[in-house]
Amino acid sequence: MAEWSDRAISLGLRRFGETGAILEVFSREQGRRRGMVYGGASRTKRAPMQPGNTLLVTWKARVDDSLGAFTAETDTERAAIHLADAEALAGLQALAELLAAALPEGEAKPALYDAAETVLDMLGNEDVWPALFIRWEIGLLTMMGYGLDLSHCAISGSNDGLTHVSPSSGRAVRGSEAGEYLHRLLPLPQFLIDSTAPVTPVDIRNGFRLTGHFLAERLFADLNKAVPEARLLMIDRLERAGRLSPA
């Protein structure tokens, strides 16, 4: 008998058969995993396991490589808390779908897990979480092997005056060094390299544009997948709320 227990973020629950459901989670020490929840189709069991909630799960199976079954209890409820906050709810769903689509099964990434919980816990602070989400996406890219280099200029080697990022190399660039190629570069929000810099709606737009480019053209392109629609919905909700500037 194979068995483990862990803290996990729910990534989603889908019905299986008449009364069961399959729960997908991102576990801190076990990575992305799936398992049956017997009776999981019932409203009582389904509600606590909504995407974005943190669960305390136990997984059991006869052998380690089978689907297995979960028992779960809620540790941190988030989905119900943010039902009246369209932007936060969209952020919660986007984070869960990005993890579900990007992560390999069964590969532990505790640092990414801890960062994801930090973002989820900050969704009630509308002045903070969009910038934090962008930082988290940069961390996701790094953890998956597609990290950006924002430490110094790819052209001159200088570590000051950085204003853009090369869409081909992912390296920071001084706009003053780019010459005729400036229009091809992605704007670099200053809050990504200076923690004291103010964050404006333009910065949030440029931040999501920056991470979105590398998510689409590197990470998900290599996985032969599209970026989850939930991310586009989140950006649309933030724009409608005035949290980021229109394109």
C-alpha atoms as a PDB file:
ATOM      1  CA  MET A   1       0.000   0.000   0.000  1.00  0.00           C
ATOM      2  CA  ALA A   2       1.333   3.430  -1.037  1.00  0.00           C
ATOM      3  CA  GLU A   3       0.340   6.398   1.106  1.00  0.00           C
ATOM      4  CA  TRP A   4       1.340  10.007   1.784  1.00  0.00           C
ATOM      5  CA  SER A   5      -0.112  13.095   3.468  1.00  0.00           C
ATOM      6  CA  ASP A   6       0.666  16.711   2.614  1.00  0.00           C
ATOM      7  CA  ARG A   7      -0.519  20.283   2.382  1.00  0.00           C
ATOM      8  CA  ALA A   8      -1.868  21.025  -1.107  1.00  0.00           C
ATOM      9  CA  ILE A   9      -3.518  23.710  -3.247  1.00  0.00           C
ATOM     10  CA  SER A  10      -6.612  22.490  -5.065  1.00  0.00           C
ATOM     11  CA  LEU A  11      -6.293  22.888  -8.834  1.00  0.00           C
ATOM     12  CA  GLY A  12      -9.749  21.610  -9.642  1.00  0.00           C
ATOM     13  CA  LEU A  13     -12.309  18.872  -9.240  1.00  0.00           C
ATOM     14  CA  ARG A  14     -14.116  17.082 -12.068  1.00  0.00           C
ATOM     15  CA  ARG A  15     -16.958  14.634 -11.829  1.00  0.00           C
ATOM     16  CA  PHE A  16     -16.172  10.954 -12.356  1.00  0.00           C
ATOM     17  CA  GLY A  17     -19.060   8.522 -12.604  1.00  0.00           C
ATOM     18  CA  GLU A  18     -22.333   9.114 -10.820  1.00  0.00           C
ATOM     19  CA  THR A  19     -21.060  10.083  -7.386  1.00  0.00           C
ATOM     20  CA  GLY A  20     -17.274  10.330  -7.534  1.00  0.00           C
ATOM     21  CA  ALA A  21     -14.843  13.047  -8.613  1.00  0.00           C
ATOM     22  CA  ILE A  22     -11.189  13.355  -9.503  1.00  0.00           C
ATOM     23  CA  LEU A  23      -9.305  15.959  -7.493  1.00  0.00           C
ATOM     24  CA  GLU A  24      -6.140  17.546  -8.872  1.00  0.00           C
ATOM     25  CA  VAL A  25      -3.810  19.284  -6.439  1.00  0.00           C
ATOM     26  CA  PHE A  26      -0.413  20.930  -6.246  1.00  0.00           C
ATOM     27  CA  SER A  27       1.115  19.361  -3.151  1.00  0.00           C
ATOM     28  CA  ARG A  28       4.108  20.958  -1.453  1.00  0.00           C
ATOM     29  CA  GLU A  29       6.192  17.793  -1.229  1.00  0.00           C
ATOM     30  CA  GLN A  30       4.577  15.592  -3.887  1.00  0.00           C
ATOM     31  CA  GLY A  31       3.994  18.079  -6.719  1.00  0.00           C
ATOM     32  CA  ARG A  32       0.972  17.960  -9.020  1.00  0.00           C
ATOM     33  CA  ARG A  33      -1.082  14.848  -8.259  1.00  0.00           C
ATOM     34  CA  ARG A  34      -4.538  13.469  -8.973  1.00  0.00           C
ATOM     35  CA  GLY A  35      -6.773  11.088  -7.079  1.00  0.00           C
ATOM     36  CA  MET A  36     -10.343   9.875  -6.691  1.00  0.00           C
ATOM     37  CA  VAL A  37     -12.603  11.430  -4.092  1.00  0.00           C
ATOM     38  CA  TYR A  38     -15.409   9.014  -3.325  1.00  0.00           C
ATOM     39  CA  GLY A  39     -18.664  10.898  -3.086  1.00  0.00           C
ATOM     40  CA  GLY A  40     -16.871  13.969  -4.420  1.00  0.00           C
ATOM     41  CA  ALA A  41     -19.750  14.893  -6.728  1.00  0.00           C
ATOM     42  CA  SER A  42     -21.877  15.871  -3.731  1.00  0.00           C
ATOM     43  CA  ARG A  43     -22.185  19.568  -2.915  1.00  0.00           C
ATOM     44  CA  THR A  44     -20.933  18.980   0.619  1.00  0.00           C
ATOM     45  CA  LYS A  45     -17.640  17.481  -0.532  1.00  0.00           C
ATOM     46  CA  ARG A  46     -17.250  19.565  -3.682  1.00  0.00           C
ATOM     47  CA  ALA A  47     -17.455  23.023  -2.103  1.00  0.00           C
ATOM     48  CA  PRO A  48     -14.369  22.793   0.160  1.00  0.00           C
ATOM     49  CA  MET A  49     -12.212  21.509  -2.700  1.00  0.00           C
ATOM     50  CA  GLN A  50     -12.700  24.420  -5.107  1.00  0.00           C
ATOM     51  CA  PRO A  51      -9.583  25.681  -6.970  1.00  0.00           C
ATOM     52  CA  GLY A  52      -7.336  27.885  -4.863  1.00  0.00           C
ATOM     53  CA  ASN A  53      -8.291  26.427  -1.510  1.00  0.00           C
ATOM     54  CA  THR A  54      -5.505  24.910   0.585  1.00  0.00           C
ATOM     55  CA  LEU A  55      -6.253  21.366   1.681  1.00  0.00           C
ATOM     56  CA  LEU A  56      -4.733  18.825   4.024  1.00  0.00           C
ATOM     57  CA  VAL A  57      -4.795  15.695   1.892  1.00  0.00           C
ATOM     58  CA  THR A  58      -4.003  12.027   2.322  1.00  0.00           C
ATOM     59  CA  TRP A  59      -3.498   9.896  -0.778  1.00  0.00           C
ATOM     60  CA  LYS A  60      -3.666   6.114  -0.756  1.00  0.00           C
ATOM     61  CA  ALA A  61      -3.259   3.512  -3.485  1.00  0.00           C
ATOM     62  CA  ARG A  62      -2.330  -0.119  -3.847  1.00  0.00           C
ATOM     63  CA  VAL A  63       0.707   0.867  -5.928  1.00  0.00           C
ATOM     64  CA  ASP A  64       2.438   4.235  -6.289  1.00  0.00           C
ATOM     65  CA  ASP A  65       1.783   4.729 -10.023  1.00  0.00           C
ATOM     66  CA  SER A  66      -2.004   4.204  -9.880  1.00  0.00           C
ATOM     67  CA  LEU A  67      -4.656   6.925  -9.663  1.00  0.00           C
ATOM     68  CA  GLY A  68      -5.285   6.324  -5.968  1.00  0.00           C
ATOM     69  CA  ALA A  69      -7.808   8.059  -3.753  1.00  0.00           C
ATOM     70  CA  PHE A  70      -7.775  11.289  -1.751  1.00  0.00           C
ATOM     71  CA  THR A  71      -9.301  12.197   1.550  1.00  0.00           C
ATOM     72  CA  ALA A  72      -9.137  15.928   2.165  1.00  0.00           C
ATOM     73  CA  GLU A  73     -10.069  18.578   4.677  1.00  0.00           C
ATOM     74  CA  THR A  74      -9.976  22.316   4.149  1.00  0.00           C
ATOM     75  CA  ASP A  75      -7.089  24.203   5.717  1.00  0.00           C
ATOM     76  CA  THR A  76      -7.594  27.623   4.081  1.00  0.00           C
ATOM     77  CA  GLU A  77     -10.847  28.606   2.372  1.00  0.00           C
ATOM     78  CA  ARG A  78     -10.406  31.165  -0.399  1.00  0.00           C
ATOM     79  CA  ALA A  79     -12.889  30.501  -3.214  1.00  0.00           C
ATOM     80  CA  ALA A  80     -15.970  31.313  -1.121  1.00  0.00           C
ATOM     81  CA  ILE A  81     -14.294  34.317   0.522  1.00  0.00           C
ATOM     82  CA  HIS A  82     -13.661  35.995  -2.830  1.00  0.00           C
ATOM     83  CA  LEU A  83     -17.020  35.250  -4.470  1.00  0.00           C
ATOM     84  CA  ALA A  84     -17.941  38.946  -4.350  1.00  0.00           C
ATOM     85  CA  ASP A  85     -14.536  40.076  -5.687  1.00  0.00           C
ATOM     86  CA  ALA A  86     -14.433  39.348  -9.422  1.00  0.00           C
ATOM     87  CA  GLU A  87     -10.778  40.333  -9.834  1.00  0.00           C
ATOM     88  CA  ALA A  88      -9.510  38.248  -6.905  1.00  0.00           C
ATOM     89  CA  LEU A  89     -11.620  35.260  -7.963  1.00  0.00           C
ATOM     90  CA  ALA A  90     -10.209  35.522 -11.481  1.00  0.00           C
ATOM     91  CA  GLY A  91      -6.667  35.681 -10.065  1.00  0.00           C
ATOM     92  CA  LEU A  92      -7.313  32.581  -7.969  1.00  0.00           C
ATOM     93  CA  GLN A  93      -8.598  30.655 -10.989  1.00  0.00           C
ATOM     94  CA  ALA A  94      -5.749  31.855 -13.222  1.00  0.00           C
ATOM     95  CA  LEU A  95      -3.085  30.731 -10.760  1.00  0.00           C
ATOM     96  CA  ALA A  96      -4.689  27.309 -10.360  1.00  0.00           C
ATOM     97  CA  GLU A  97      -5.006  26.794 -14.119  1.00  0.00           C
ATOM     98  CA  LEU A  98      -1.444  27.939 -14.803  1.00  0.00           C
ATOM     99  CA  LEU A  99      -0.147  25.385 -12.302  1.00  0.00           C
ATOM    100  CA  ALA A 100      -2.371  22.625 -13.667  1.00  0.00           C
ATOM    101  CA  ALA A 101      -1.260  23.282 -17.243  1.00  0.00           C
ATOM    102  CA  ALA A 102       2.440  23.934 -16.642  1.00  0.00           C
ATOM    103  CA  LEU A 103       3.573  21.464 -13.998  1.00  0.00           C
ATOM    104  CA  PRO A 104       4.745  17.924 -14.680  1.00  0.00           C
ATOM    105  CA  GLU A 105       3.036  15.278 -12.581  1.00  0.00           C
ATOM    106  CA  GLY A 106       4.694  14.159  -9.372  1.00  0.00           C
ATOM    107  CA  GLU A 107       7.575  16.647  -9.343  1.00  0.00           C
ATOM    108  CA  ALA A 108       7.916  18.533  -6.058  1.00  0.00           C
ATOM    109  CA  LYS A 109       8.560  22.284  -6.243  1.00  0.00           C
ATOM    110  CA  PRO A 110       8.238  23.517  -2.645  1.00  0.00           C
ATOM    111  CA  ALA A 111       9.547  27.037  -3.336  1.00  0.00           C
ATOM    112  CA  LEU A 112       6.968  27.522  -6.099  1.00  0.00           C
ATOM    113  CA  TYR A 113       4.292  26.120  -3.790  1.00  0.00           C
ATOM    114  CA  ASP A 114       5.192  28.563  -1.009  1.00  0.00           C
ATOM    115  CA  ALA A 115       5.168  31.490  -3.458  1.00  0.00           C
ATOM    116  CA  ALA A 116       1.763  30.408  -4.799  1.00  0.00           C
ATOM    117  CA  GLU A 117       0.297  30.350  -1.281  1.00  0.00           C
ATOM    118  CA  THR A 118       1.687  33.839  -0.670  1.00  0.00           C
ATOM    119  CA  VAL A 119      -0.079  35.164  -3.779  1.00  0.00           C
ATOM    120  CA  LEU A 120      -3.323  33.404  -2.865  1.00  0.00           C
ATOM    121  CA  ASP A 121      -3.207  34.813   0.664  1.00  0.00           C
ATOM    122  CA  MET A 122      -2.779  38.361  -0.693  1.00  0.00           C
ATOM    123  CA  LEU A 123      -5.737  38.319  -3.097  1.00  0.00           C
ATOM    124  CA  GLY A 124      -7.751  40.404  -0.668  1.00  0.00           C
ATOM    125  CA  ASN A 125      -5.260  43.277  -1.015  1.00  0.00           C
ATOM    126  CA  GLU A 126      -6.100  44.782  -4.397  1.00  0.00           C
ATOM    127  CA  ASP A 127      -3.196  47.250  -4.259  1.00  0.00           C
ATOM    128  CA  VAL A 128      -0.612  44.487  -3.912  1.00  0.00           C
ATOM    129  CA  TRP A 129      -1.607  41.227  -5.538  1.00  0.00           C
ATOM    130  CA  PRO A 130      -1.432  42.071  -9.297  1.00  0.00           C
ATOM    131  CA  ALA A 131       2.270  43.020  -9.020  1.00  0.00           C
ATOM    132  CA  LEU A 132       2.866  40.005  -6.784  1.00  0.00           C
ATOM    133  CA  PHE A 133       1.191  37.769  -9.366  1.00  0.00           C
ATOM    134  CA  ILE A 134       3.566  39.064 -12.053  1.00  0.00           C
ATOM    135  CA  ARG A 135       6.545  38.297  -9.817  1.00  0.00           C
ATOM    136  CA  TRP A 136       5.098  34.835  -9.242  1.00  0.00           C
ATOM    137  CA  GLU A 137       4.816  34.238 -12.990  1.00  0.00           C
ATOM    138  CA  ILE A 138       8.489  35.151 -13.351  1.00  0.00           C
ATOM    139  CA  GLY A 139       9.211  32.608 -10.622  1.00  0.00           C
ATOM    140  CA  LEU A 140       7.128  29.992 -12.449  1.00  0.00           C
ATOM    141  CA  LEU A 141       9.143  30.605 -15.622  1.00  0.00           C
ATOM    142  CA  THR A 142      12.382  30.270 -13.650  1.00  0.00           C
ATOM    143  CA  MET A 143      11.291  27.059 -11.907  1.00  0.00           C
ATOM    144  CA  MET A 144      10.352  25.554 -15.253  1.00  0.00           C
ATOM    145  CA  GLY A 145      13.708  26.438 -16.835  1.00  0.00           C
ATOM    146  CA  TYR A 146      12.735  29.630 -18.679  1.00  0.00           C
ATOM    147  CA  GLY A 147      14.109  32.255 -16.308  1.00  0.00           C
ATOM    148  CA  LEU A 148      14.596  35.886 -17.302  1.00  0.00           C
ATOM    149  CA  ASP A 149      17.862  37.725 -16.666  1.00  0.00           C
ATOM    150  CA  LEU A 150      17.001  41.186 -15.360  1.00  0.00           C
ATOM    151  CA  SER A 151      20.335  41.773 -13.619  1.00  0.00           C
ATOM    152  CA  HIS A 152      22.279  43.681 -16.285  1.00  0.00           C
ATOM    153  CA  CYS A 153      22.106  45.011 -19.840  1.00  0.00           C
ATOM    154  CA  ALA A 154      22.566  42.357 -22.526  1.00  0.00           C
ATOM    155  CA  ILE A 155      24.324  44.935 -24.750  1.00  0.00           C
ATOM    156  CA  SER A 156      26.574  46.949 -22.437  1.00  0.00           C
ATOM    157  CA  GLY A 157      26.740  44.786 -19.323  1.00  0.00           C
ATOM    158  CA  SER A 158      25.668  47.726 -17.128  1.00  0.00           C
ATOM    159  CA  ASN A 159      23.348  47.033 -14.221  1.00  0.00           C
ATOM    160  CA  ASP A 160      21.621  50.430 -14.146  1.00  0.00           C
ATOM    161  CA  GLY A 161      19.197  52.226 -16.439  1.00  0.00           C
ATOM    162  CA  LEU A 162      17.483  48.979 -17.463  1.00  0.00           C
ATOM    163  CA  THR A 163      14.210  49.742 -19.231  1.00  0.00           C
ATOM    164  CA  HIS A 164      13.388  46.834 -21.570  1.00  0.00           C
ATOM    165  CA  VAL A 165      13.685  43.074 -22.088  1.00  0.00           C
ATOM    166  CA  SER A 166      14.661  41.272 -25.261  1.00  0.00           C
ATOM    167  CA  PRO A 167      11.732  39.071 -26.384  1.00  0.00           C
ATOM    168  CA  SER A 168      14.190  36.595 -27.915  1.00  0.00           C
ATOM    169  CA  SER A 169      16.774  36.190 -25.132  1.00  0.00           C
ATOM    170  CA  GLY A 170      14.800  37.210 -22.013  1.00  0.00           C
ATOM    171  CA  ARG A 171      17.660  39.506 -20.969  1.00  0.00           C
ATOM    172  CA  ALA A 172      17.317  43.076 -19.752  1.00  0.00           C
ATOM    173  CA  VAL A 173      18.392  45.950 -22.006  1.00  0.00           C
ATOM    174  CA  ARG A 174      19.093  49.660 -21.579  1.00  0.00           C
ATOM    175  CA  GLY A 175      16.723  51.452 -23.902  1.00  0.00           C
ATOM    176  CA  SER A 176      19.461  53.973 -24.657  1.00  0.00           C
ATOM    177  CA  GLU A 177      21.641  51.126 -25.973  1.00  0.00           C
ATOM    178  CA  ALA A 178      18.982  49.547 -28.203  1.00  0.00           C
ATOM    179  CA  GLY A 179      18.996  52.083 -31.019  1.00  0.00           C
ATOM    180  CA  GLU A 180      16.739  51.179 -33.929  1.00  0.00           C
ATOM    181  CA  TYR A 181      15.690  47.922 -32.210  1.00  0.00           C
ATOM    182  CA  LEU A 182      13.991  49.681 -29.280  1.00  0.00           C
ATOM    183  CA  HIS A 183      10.492  49.200 -30.706  1.00  0.00           C
ATOM    184  CA  ARG A 184      11.012  45.427 -30.769  1.00  0.00           C
ATOM    185  CA  LEU A 185      11.727  45.198 -27.041  1.00  0.00           C
ATOM    186  CA  LEU A 186       9.314  44.590 -24.176  1.00  0.00           C
ATOM    187  CA  PRO A 187       9.015  47.373 -21.563  1.00  0.00           C
ATOM    188  CA  LEU A 188      10.479  46.401 -18.173  1.00  0.00           C
ATOM    189  CA  PRO A 189       8.405  47.612 -15.194  1.00  0.00           C
ATOM    190  CA  GLN A 190      10.762  49.129 -12.658  1.00  0.00           C
ATOM    191  CA  PHE A 191       9.120  47.384  -9.700  1.00  0.00           C
ATOM    192  CA  LEU A 192      10.597  44.118 -11.009  1.00  0.00           C
ATOM    193  CA  ILE A 193      14.138  45.393 -10.424  1.00  0.00           C
ATOM    194  CA  ASP A 194      13.585  47.984  -7.679  1.00  0.00           C
ATOM    195  CA  SER A 195      11.373  47.012  -4.741  1.00  0.00           C
ATOM    196  CA  THR A 196      10.931  50.697  -3.806  1.00  0.00           C
ATOM    197  CA  ALA A 197       9.584  51.743  -7.216  1.00  0.00           C
ATOM    198  CA  PRO A 198       5.891  52.719  -7.385  1.00  0.00           C
ATOM    199  CA  VAL A 199       3.526  50.410  -9.268  1.00  0.00           C
ATOM    200  CA  THR A 200       1.180  52.043 -11.762  1.00  0.00           C
ATOM    201  CA  PRO A 201      -1.578  50.574 -13.967  1.00  0.00           C
ATOM    202  CA  VAL A 202       0.846  50.952 -16.901  1.00  0.00           C
ATOM    203  CA  ASP A 203       3.438  48.896 -15.013  1.00  0.00           C
ATOM    204  CA  ILE A 204       0.880  46.147 -14.373  1.00  0.00           C
ATOM    205  CA  ARG A 205      -0.064  46.094 -18.054  1.00  0.00           C
ATOM    206  CA  ASN A 206       3.596  45.910 -19.091  1.00  0.00           C
ATOM    207  CA  GLY A 207       4.348  43.281 -16.455  1.00  0.00           C
ATOM    208  CA  PHE A 208       1.616  40.942 -17.670  1.00  0.00           C
ATOM    209  CA  ARG A 209       2.674  41.599 -21.254  1.00  0.00           C
ATOM    210  CA  LEU A 210       6.258  40.647 -20.360  1.00  0.00           C
ATOM    211  CA  THR A 211       5.436  37.425 -18.533  1.00  0.00           C
ATOM    212  CA  GLY A 212       2.691  36.574 -21.008  1.00  0.00           C
ATOM    213  CA  HIS A 213       5.143  36.662 -23.895  1.00  0.00           C
ATOM    214  CA  PHE A 214       7.489  34.135 -22.310  1.00  0.00           C
ATOM    215  CA  LEU A 215       4.679  31.957 -20.992  1.00  0.00           C
ATOM    216  CA  ALA A 216       3.201  31.723 -24.487  1.00  0.00           C
ATOM    217  CA  GLU A 217       6.343  31.645 -26.633  1.00  0.00           C
ATOM    218  CA  ARG A 218       8.573  29.523 -24.377  1.00  0.00           C
ATOM    219  CA  LEU A 219       6.896  27.503 -21.631  1.00  0.00           C
ATOM    220  CA  PHE A 220       3.537  26.622 -23.177  1.00  0.00           C
ATOM    221  CA  ALA A 221       4.886  26.542 -26.729  1.00  0.00           C
ATOM    222  CA  ASP A 222       7.274  23.790 -25.644  1.00  0.00           C
ATOM    223  CA  LEU A 223       4.360  21.965 -24.007  1.00  0.00           C
ATOM    224  CA  ASN A 224       2.272  22.353 -27.197  1.00  0.00           C
ATOM    225  CA  LYS A 225      -0.404  24.138 -25.169  1.00  0.00           C
ATOM    226  CA  ALA A 226      -2.041  27.533 -25.180  1.00  0.00           C
ATOM    227  CA  VAL A 227      -1.815  29.815 -22.165  1.00  0.00           C
ATOM    228  CA  PRO A 228      -4.905  29.076 -20.033  1.00  0.00           C
ATOM    229  CA  GLU A 229      -7.916  31.237 -20.855  1.00  0.00           C
ATOM    230  CA  ALA A 230      -8.301  32.010 -17.152  1.00  0.00           C
ATOM    231  CA  ARG A 231      -5.215  34.222 -17.340  1.00  0.00           C
ATOM    232  CA  LEU A 232      -6.773  36.318 -20.110  1.00  0.00           C
ATOM    233  CA  LEU A 233      -9.975  36.612 -18.086  1.00  0.00           C
ATOM    234  CA  MET A 234      -7.986  37.802 -15.065  1.00  0.00           C
ATOM    235  CA  ILE A 235      -6.275  40.513 -17.111  1.00  0.00           C
ATOM    236  CA  ASP A 236      -9.617  41.571 -18.600  1.00  0.00           C
ATOM    237  CA  ARG A 237     -11.159  41.829 -15.119  1.00  0.00           C
ATOM    238  CA  LEU A 238      -8.228  43.881 -13.853  1.00  0.00           C
ATOM    239  CA  GLU A 239      -8.506  46.218 -16.828  1.00  0.00           C
ATOM    240  CA  ARG A 240     -12.240  46.706 -16.268  1.00  0.00           C
ATOM    241  CA  ALA A 241     -11.508  47.529 -12.627  1.00  0.00           C
ATOM    242  CA  GLY A 242      -8.854  50.096 -13.588  1.00  0.00           C
ATOM    243  CA  ARG A 243      -6.040  48.052 -12.023  1.00  0.00           C
ATOM    244  CA  LEU A 244      -4.107  48.019 -15.295  1.00  0.00           C
ATOM    245  CA  SER A 245      -4.108  50.424 -18.214  1.00  0.00           C
ATOM    246  CA  PRO A 246      -5.818  49.543 -21.503  1.00  0.00           C
ATOM    247  CA  ALA A 247      -3.597  48.174 -24.268  1.00  0.00           C
END
